[in-house]
C-alpha atoms as a PDB file:
ATOM      1  CA  UNK A   1     -12.706-165.033   4.175  1.00  0.00           C
ATOM      2  CA  UNK A   2     -14.733-164.516   7.362  1.00  0.00           C
ATOM      3  CA  UNK A   3     -15.436-160.976   8.561  1.00  0.00           C
ATOM      4  CA  UNK A   4     -16.130-159.908  12.122  1.00  0.00           C
ATOM      5  CA  UNK A   5     -18.464-157.059  12.992  1.00  0.00           C
ATOM      6  CA  UNK A   6     -18.775-155.813  16.562  1.00  0.00           C
ATOM      7  CA  UNK A   7     -22.506-155.374  17.235  1.00  0.00           C
ATOM      8  CA  UNK A   8     -22.234-154.382  20.892  1.00  0.00           C
ATOM      9  CA  UNK A   9     -19.297-153.232  22.964  1.00  0.00           C
ATOM     10  CA  UNK A  10     -19.103-153.394  26.755  1.00  0.00           C
ATOM     11  CA  UNK A  11     -20.816-149.999  27.221  1.00  0.00           C
ATOM     12  CA  UNK A  12     -23.719-150.888  24.920  1.00  0.00           C
ATOM     13  CA  UNK A  13     -24.139-154.239  26.682  1.00  0.00           C
ATOM     14  CA  UNK A  14     -24.276-152.416  30.026  1.00  0.00           C
ATOM     15  CA  UNK A  15     -26.904-149.965  28.741  1.00  0.00           C
ATOM     16  CA  UNK A  16     -29.007-152.796  27.328  1.00  0.00           C
ATOM     17  CA  UNK A  17     -28.891-154.783  30.572  1.00  0.00           C
ATOM     18  CA  UNK A  18     -29.742-151.696  32.658  1.00  0.00           C
ATOM     19  CA  UNK A  19     -32.744-151.053  30.389  1.00  0.00           C
ATOM     20  CA  UNK A  20     -33.845-154.674  30.678  1.00  0.00           C
ATOM     21  CA  UNK A  21     -33.493-154.480  34.479  1.00  0.00           C
ATOM     22  CA  UNK A  22     -35.799-151.447  34.530  1.00  0.00           C
ATOM     23  CA  UNK A  23     -38.327-153.252  32.336  1.00  0.00           C
ATOM     24  CA  UNK A  24     -38.227-156.268  34.686  1.00  0.00           C
ATOM     25  CA  UNK A  25     -38.714-153.972  37.681  1.00  0.00           C
ATOM     26  CA  UNK A  26     -41.751-152.379  36.011  1.00  0.00           C
ATOM     27  CA  UNK A  27     -43.289-155.785  35.196  1.00  0.00           C
ATOM     28  CA  UNK A  28     -42.595-157.540  38.490  1.00  0.00           C
ATOM     29  CA  UNK A  29     -42.396-154.777  41.112  1.00  0.00           C
ATOM     30  CA  UNK A  30     -42.498-156.269  44.611  1.00  0.00           C
ATOM     31  CA  UNK A  31     -42.626-159.887  43.385  1.00  0.00           C
ATOM     32  CA  UNK A  32     -40.115-162.650  44.010  1.00  0.00           C
ATOM     33  CA  UNK A  33     -38.044-163.510  40.929  1.00  0.00           C
ATOM     34  CA  UNK A  34     -35.997-166.575  40.068  1.00  0.00           C
ATOM     35  CA  UNK A  35     -33.284-165.805  37.508  1.00  0.00           C
ATOM     36  CA  UNK A  36     -32.046-168.893  35.643  1.00  0.00           C
ATOM     37  CA  UNK A  37     -28.902-168.270  33.579  1.00  0.00           C
ATOM     38  CA  UNK A  38     -28.252-170.841  30.864  1.00  0.00           C
ATOM     39  CA  UNK A  39     -24.837-172.320  30.277  1.00  0.00           C
ATOM     40  CA  UNK A  40     -21.676-170.214  30.663  1.00  0.00           C
ATOM     41  CA  UNK A  41     -22.573-167.094  28.700  1.00  0.00           C
ATOM     42  CA  UNK A  42     -26.211-166.984  29.759  1.00  0.00           C
ATOM     43  CA  UNK A  43     -25.167-167.259  33.398  1.00  0.00           C
ATOM     44  CA  UNK A  44     -22.587-164.475  32.936  1.00  0.00           C
ATOM     45  CA  UNK A  45     -25.349-162.319  31.420  1.00  0.00           C
ATOM     46  CA  UNK A  46     -27.738-163.209  34.265  1.00  0.00           C
ATOM     47  CA  UNK A  47     -25.151-162.245  36.917  1.00  0.00           C
ATOM     48  CA  UNK A  48     -24.751-158.816  35.363  1.00  0.00           C
ATOM     49  CA  UNK A  49     -28.525-158.412  35.066  1.00  0.00           C
ATOM     50  CA  UNK A  50     -28.886-159.532  38.709  1.00  0.00           C
ATOM     51  CA  UNK A  51     -26.412-156.809  39.705  1.00  0.00           C
ATOM     52  CA  UNK A  52     -28.533-154.139  37.979  1.00  0.00           C
ATOM     53  CA  UNK A  53     -31.776-155.535  39.434  1.00  0.00           C
ATOM     54  CA  UNK A  54     -30.263-155.534  42.936  1.00  0.00           C
ATOM     55  CA  UNK A  55     -30.081-151.742  42.731  1.00  0.00           C
ATOM     56  CA  UNK A  56     -33.822-151.534  41.991  1.00  0.00           C
ATOM     57  CA  UNK A  57     -35.390-154.201  44.215  1.00  0.00           C
ATOM     58  CA  UNK A  58     -34.829-155.832  47.568  1.00  0.00           C
ATOM     59  CA  UNK A  59     -32.144-158.513  47.096  1.00  0.00           C
ATOM     60  CA  UNK A  60     -34.233-160.946  49.150  1.00  0.00           C
ATOM     61  CA  UNK A  61     -36.708-161.037  46.233  1.00  0.00           C
ATOM     62  CA  UNK A  62     -34.023-162.252  43.781  1.00  0.00           C
ATOM     63  CA  UNK A  63     -32.649-165.770  43.424  1.00  0.00           C
ATOM     64  CA  UNK A  64     -29.921-166.497  40.856  1.00  0.00           C
ATOM     65  CA  UNK A  65     -29.307-170.002  39.467  1.00  0.00           C
ATOM     66  CA  UNK A  66     -27.071-171.485  36.797  1.00  0.00           C
ATOM     67  CA  UNK A  67     -28.460-174.217  34.549  1.00  0.00           C
ATOM     68  CA  UNK A  68     -26.310-176.056  32.023  1.00  0.00           C
ATOM     69  CA  UNK A  69     -28.584-177.432  29.309  1.00  0.00           C
ATOM     70  CA  UNK A  70     -25.843-179.534  27.716  1.00  0.00           C
ATOM     71  CA  UNK A  71     -24.392-181.178  30.837  1.00  0.00           C
ATOM     72  CA  UNK A  72     -26.883-182.265  33.486  1.00  0.00           C
ATOM     73  CA  UNK A  73     -24.041-183.458  35.754  1.00  0.00           C
ATOM     74  CA  UNK A  74     -22.804-179.844  35.918  1.00  0.00           C
ATOM     75  CA  UNK A  75     -26.132-178.493  37.196  1.00  0.00           C
ATOM     76  CA  UNK A  76     -27.117-177.491  40.633  1.00  0.00           C
ATOM     77  CA  UNK A  77     -30.694-178.334  41.468  1.00  0.00           C
ATOM     78  CA  UNK A  78     -33.195-175.849  40.111  1.00  0.00           C
ATOM     79  CA  UNK A  79     -35.401-174.457  42.864  1.00  0.00           C
ATOM     80  CA  UNK A  80     -39.070-175.278  43.133  1.00  0.00           C
ATOM     81  CA  UNK A  81     -40.634-172.825  40.672  1.00  0.00           C
ATOM     82  CA  UNK A  82     -44.255-173.530  41.607  1.00  0.00           C
ATOM     83  CA  UNK A  83     -46.216-170.280  41.618  1.00  0.00           C
ATOM     84  CA  UNK A  84     -43.030-168.231  41.146  1.00  0.00           C
ATOM     85  CA  UNK A  85     -42.000-165.721  38.483  1.00  0.00           C
ATOM     86  CA  UNK A  86     -39.081-167.136  36.502  1.00  0.00           C
ATOM     87  CA  UNK A  87     -36.750-165.325  34.117  1.00  0.00           C
ATOM     88  CA  UNK A  88     -34.785-167.662  31.850  1.00  0.00           C
ATOM     89  CA  UNK A  89     -31.727-165.766  30.635  1.00  0.00           C
ATOM     90  CA  UNK A  90     -29.379-166.560  27.772  1.00  0.00           C
ATOM     91  CA  UNK A  91     -26.904-164.566  25.741  1.00  0.00           C
ATOM     92  CA  UNK A  92     -28.296-165.389  22.270  1.00  0.00           C
ATOM     93  CA  UNK A  93     -31.551-166.967  21.117  1.00  0.00           C
ATOM     94  CA  UNK A  94     -31.617-168.599  17.694  1.00  0.00           C
ATOM     95  CA  UNK A  95     -33.670-171.736  17.004  1.00  0.00           C
ATOM     96  CA  UNK A  96     -35.360-171.774  20.430  1.00  0.00           C
ATOM     97  CA  UNK A  97     -34.205-175.338  21.234  1.00  0.00           C
ATOM     98  CA  UNK A  98     -32.116-174.336  24.257  1.00  0.00           C
ATOM     99  CA  UNK A  99     -34.994-172.245  25.641  1.00  0.00           C
ATOM    100  CA  UNK A 100     -37.469-175.055  25.023  1.00  0.00           C
ATOM    101  CA  UNK A 101     -35.260-177.438  27.033  1.00  0.00           C
ATOM    102  CA  UNK A 102     -34.850-174.852  29.797  1.00  0.00           C
ATOM    103  CA  UNK A 103     -38.597-174.184  29.997  1.00  0.00           C
ATOM    104  CA  UNK A 104     -39.201-177.936  30.245  1.00  0.00           C
ATOM    105  CA  UNK A 105     -36.680-178.219  33.101  1.00  0.00           C
ATOM    106  CA  UNK A 106     -38.202-175.257  34.978  1.00  0.00           C
ATOM    107  CA  UNK A 107     -41.741-176.621  34.579  1.00  0.00           C
ATOM    108  CA  UNK A 108     -40.582-180.010  35.872  1.00  0.00           C
ATOM    109  CA  UNK A 109     -39.868-178.352  39.249  1.00  0.00           C
ATOM    110  CA  UNK A 110     -43.412-177.035  39.605  1.00  0.00           C
ATOM    111  CA  UNK A 111     -45.969-174.946  37.737  1.00  0.00           C
ATOM    112  CA  UNK A 112     -44.572-171.371  37.612  1.00  0.00           C
ATOM    113  CA  UNK A 113     -46.785-168.302  37.924  1.00  0.00           C
ATOM    114  CA  UNK A 114     -45.047-166.815  34.889  1.00  0.00           C
ATOM    115  CA  UNK A 115     -41.978-167.509  32.743  1.00  0.00           C
ATOM    116  CA  UNK A 116     -40.305-164.793  30.690  1.00  0.00           C
ATOM    117  CA  UNK A 117     -37.387-165.183  28.302  1.00  0.00           C
ATOM    118  CA  UNK A 118     -34.556-162.628  28.492  1.00  0.00           C
ATOM    119  CA  UNK A 119     -31.752-162.509  25.935  1.00  0.00           C
ATOM    120  CA  UNK A 120     -28.982-160.128  25.060  1.00  0.00           C
ATOM    121  CA  UNK A 121     -29.331-160.896  21.314  1.00  0.00           C
ATOM    122  CA  UNK A 122     -32.259-162.261  19.315  1.00  0.00           C
ATOM    123  CA  UNK A 123     -31.076-163.726  15.978  1.00  0.00           C
ATOM    124  CA  UNK A 124     -34.479-164.764  14.652  1.00  0.00           C
ATOM    125  CA  UNK A 125     -34.903-167.984  12.611  1.00  0.00           C
ATOM    126  CA  UNK A 126     -36.892-169.953  15.215  1.00  0.00           C
ATOM    127  CA  UNK A 127     -37.639-173.624  14.769  1.00  0.00           C
ATOM    128  CA  UNK A 128     -39.563-173.661  18.059  1.00  0.00           C
ATOM    129  CA  UNK A 129     -42.432-171.270  18.867  1.00  0.00           C
ATOM    130  CA  UNK A 130     -40.523-169.384  21.548  1.00  0.00           C
ATOM    131  CA  UNK A 131     -39.901-165.638  21.595  1.00  0.00           C
ATOM    132  CA  UNK A 132     -37.659-163.464  23.711  1.00  0.00           C
ATOM    133  CA  UNK A 133     -39.829-161.262  25.949  1.00  0.00           C
ATOM    134  CA  UNK A 134     -36.989-158.864  26.746  1.00  0.00           C
ATOM    135  CA  UNK A 135     -33.903-158.454  24.571  1.00  0.00           C
ATOM    136  CA  UNK A 136     -30.941-156.166  24.156  1.00  0.00           C
ATOM    137  CA  UNK A 137     -30.948-156.168  20.334  1.00  0.00           C
ATOM    138  CA  UNK A 138     -32.572-158.032  17.453  1.00  0.00           C
ATOM    139  CA  UNK A 139     -30.233-159.008  14.626  1.00  0.00           C
ATOM    140  CA  UNK A 140     -31.873-161.138  11.921  1.00  0.00           C
ATOM    141  CA  UNK A 141     -28.932-163.132  10.614  1.00  0.00           C
ATOM    142  CA  UNK A 142     -28.443-164.926   7.342  1.00  0.00           C
ATOM    143  CA  UNK A 143     -27.692-168.615   7.193  1.00  0.00           C
ATOM    144  CA  UNK A 144     -23.966-169.134   7.592  1.00  0.00           C
ATOM    145  CA  UNK A 145     -23.618-166.149   9.918  1.00  0.00           C
ATOM    146  CA  UNK A 146     -22.894-166.624  13.599  1.00  0.00           C
ATOM    147  CA  UNK A 147     -23.195-164.376  16.643  1.00  0.00           C
ATOM    148  CA  UNK A 148     -21.054-164.861  19.701  1.00  0.00           C
ATOM    149  CA  UNK A 149     -20.968-163.059  23.027  1.00  0.00           C
ATOM    150  CA  UNK A 150     -17.364-162.750  24.156  1.00  0.00           C
ATOM    151  CA  UNK A 151     -16.668-162.834  27.890  1.00  0.00           C
ATOM    152  CA  UNK A 152     -13.989-160.982  29.793  1.00  0.00           C
ATOM    153  CA  UNK A 153     -13.587-161.472  33.536  1.00  0.00           C
ATOM    154  CA  UNK A 154     -16.701-163.672  33.453  1.00  0.00           C
ATOM    155  CA  UNK A 155     -18.927-160.859  32.106  1.00  0.00           C
ATOM    156  CA  UNK A 156     -20.238-160.080  28.604  1.00  0.00           C
ATOM    157  CA  UNK A 157     -17.679-157.842  26.900  1.00  0.00           C
ATOM    158  CA  UNK A 158     -18.536-157.831  23.168  1.00  0.00           C
ATOM    159  CA  UNK A 159     -21.154-159.194  20.811  1.00  0.00           C
ATOM    160  CA  UNK A 160     -19.596-160.176  17.488  1.00  0.00           C
ATOM    161  CA  UNK A 161     -21.236-161.122  14.198  1.00  0.00           C
ATOM    162  CA  UNK A 162     -19.172-163.527  12.103  1.00  0.00           C
ATOM    163  CA  UNK A 163     -19.955-163.303   8.357  1.00  0.00           C
ATOM    164  CA  UNK A 164     -18.652-165.640   5.678  1.00  0.00           C
END
């Protein structure tokens, strides 16, 4: 029988994203940032992060884009990232495959000044040598366990660990 454990509720998600926004502000103060949210949940996370960043920096320095790794026909065109600071944002990082594909797509638009990976949850167990630079929580999972970020009103609402 599968068990569900709530790792983060809406308030904890908000606190984590506010903290990450402050860390981004400290790292990139006064610099233009391109935020690339991956797929549905990564984009929902990036919109909330964008909202927190907008309170800290001039909105003209922030550009928000959605990128669907799994369906290229659903994508808008990524902006030219040459000599820009890019944050690739996803809800959960696990093997690193999705991030690897996203980094490849961003680099195909131009050679960025810097790319940083931002995730709400880091599960560990990488197959690709990619780490999350900024994360809400780290939860090393066991094989057979799954973590899902639940959305409500198009925003992260809960992070749930599913155990067998």
